[in-house]
């Protein structure tokens, strides 16, 4: 099953770009959760806005073939954020920050 993050601007809009995730991903985030994607030079963080599931008929059973996670970028602390993610947040005028605590 293919899993991708579809990056959209804050508040919705046209897809900015897609990020492919590992095909053996077990955990699926829920709407309203934050996801953090580790990169070589830092990370990218997103707030999940919508989940789209795609199914294909196989004989009698429906088989899930792909999941698209619609998410908007959120600001990470500079020490955690990749340069690419920082540029993305600046270009889209992102104001929402990744939560510092779960409490």
Protein backbone atom coordinates (compact mmCIF):
# COMPACT_ATOMS: atom_id res chain seq x y z
CA UNK A 1 0.00 0.00 0.00
CA UNK A 2 1.34 3.41 -1.00
CA UNK A 3 1.27 6.16 1.67
CA UNK A 4 1.97 9.80 0.81
CA UNK A 5 1.74 13.15 2.56
CA UNK A 6 0.10 15.78 0.38
CA UNK A 7 1.40 19.17 1.57
CA UNK A 8 -1.19 21.94 1.32
CA UNK A 9 -1.00 25.61 2.38
CA UNK A 10 -2.42 26.69 5.76
CA UNK A 11 -6.20 26.71 5.52
CA UNK A 12 -6.21 24.45 2.44
CA UNK A 13 -5.66 25.02 -1.25
CA UNK A 14 -3.68 23.49 -4.07
CA UNK A 15 -1.15 20.75 -3.32
CA UNK A 16 2.32 22.17 -2.81
CA UNK A 17 4.14 18.84 -3.15
CA UNK A 18 3.95 15.17 -2.11
CA UNK A 19 6.16 13.24 0.31
CA UNK A 20 6.28 9.48 -0.09
CA UNK A 21 6.46 7.42 3.11
CA UNK A 22 7.62 3.85 3.63
CA UNK A 23 5.24 1.34 2.07
CA UNK A 24 5.20 -0.78 5.23
CA UNK A 25 3.91 2.08 7.39
CA UNK A 26 1.79 0.57 10.15
CA UNK A 27 0.63 3.68 12.02
CA UNK A 28 -1.78 6.05 10.30
CA UNK A 29 -2.20 9.48 11.87
CA UNK A 30 -5.66 10.89 12.54
CA UNK A 31 -7.04 14.26 11.57
CA UNK A 32 -5.79 16.87 14.05
CA UNK A 33 -2.57 15.03 14.90
CA UNK A 34 0.91 16.35 14.19
CA UNK A 35 3.43 14.32 12.23
CA UNK A 36 7.19 14.81 12.19
CA UNK A 37 9.22 13.57 9.23
CA UNK A 38 12.93 13.14 9.86
CA UNK A 39 15.32 14.34 7.15
CA UNK A 40 19.11 14.24 6.82
CA UNK A 41 19.51 17.87 7.90
CA UNK A 42 16.63 18.25 10.35
CA UNK A 43 12.94 17.59 10.06
CA UNK A 44 9.60 18.69 8.71
CA UNK A 45 6.40 18.92 10.75
CA UNK A 46 2.80 18.93 9.60
CA UNK A 47 -0.73 19.09 10.99
CA UNK A 48 -2.99 16.41 9.50
CA UNK A 49 -6.12 17.94 7.94
CA UNK A 50 -7.64 15.02 6.02
CA UNK A 51 -7.03 11.35 5.18
CA UNK A 52 -8.01 9.92 1.79
CA UNK A 53 -8.20 6.14 1.36
CA UNK A 54 -8.21 4.52 -2.08
CA UNK A 55 -9.60 1.01 -2.58
CA UNK A 56 -9.59 -1.42 -5.46
CA UNK A 57 -12.02 -4.26 -5.97
CA UNK A 58 -10.26 -7.63 -5.92
CA UNK A 59 -12.76 -10.44 -6.50
CA UNK A 60 -15.19 -9.97 -3.61
CA UNK A 61 -12.95 -8.01 -1.23
CA UNK A 62 -11.99 -4.35 -1.26
CA UNK A 63 -8.22 -3.93 -1.03
CA UNK A 64 -6.75 -0.65 0.15
CA UNK A 65 -4.19 0.46 -2.41
CA UNK A 66 -3.16 3.91 -1.19
CA UNK A 67 -3.55 6.45 1.57
CA UNK A 68 -3.02 10.17 1.06
CA UNK A 69 -2.52 12.27 4.18
CA UNK A 70 -3.43 15.91 3.51
CA UNK A 71 -1.38 18.05 5.89
CA UNK A 72 -0.25 21.63 6.29
CA UNK A 73 3.23 22.61 7.47
CA UNK A 74 3.83 23.89 10.99
CA UNK A 75 6.82 25.77 12.36
CA UNK A 76 9.45 23.72 14.17
CA UNK A 77 12.08 25.16 16.52
CA UNK A 78 15.03 26.24 14.34
CA UNK A 79 17.35 23.64 15.86
CA UNK A 80 14.98 20.82 14.73
CA UNK A 81 13.84 22.16 11.36
CA UNK A 82 15.52 21.42 8.05
CA UNK A 83 16.45 24.43 5.88
CA UNK A 84 13.96 23.23 3.25
CA UNK A 85 11.13 23.16 5.81
CA UNK A 86 12.06 26.61 7.11
CA UNK A 87 11.88 28.01 3.56
CA UNK A 88 8.53 26.31 2.98
CA UNK A 89 7.06 27.81 6.15
CA UNK A 90 8.32 31.28 5.21
CA UNK A 91 7.00 31.06 1.65
CA UNK A 92 3.52 29.99 2.84
CA UNK A 93 3.39 32.48 5.76
CA UNK A 94 2.87 29.65 8.25
CA UNK A 95 2.01 30.85 11.76
CA UNK A 96 1.00 27.60 13.51
CA UNK A 97 3.81 26.12 15.63
CA UNK A 98 4.54 22.50 16.49
CA UNK A 99 3.46 21.96 20.12
CA UNK A 100 6.26 22.05 22.69
CA UNK A 101 4.44 19.74 25.07
CA UNK A 102 1.68 17.18 25.03
CA UNK A 103 0.22 18.53 28.28
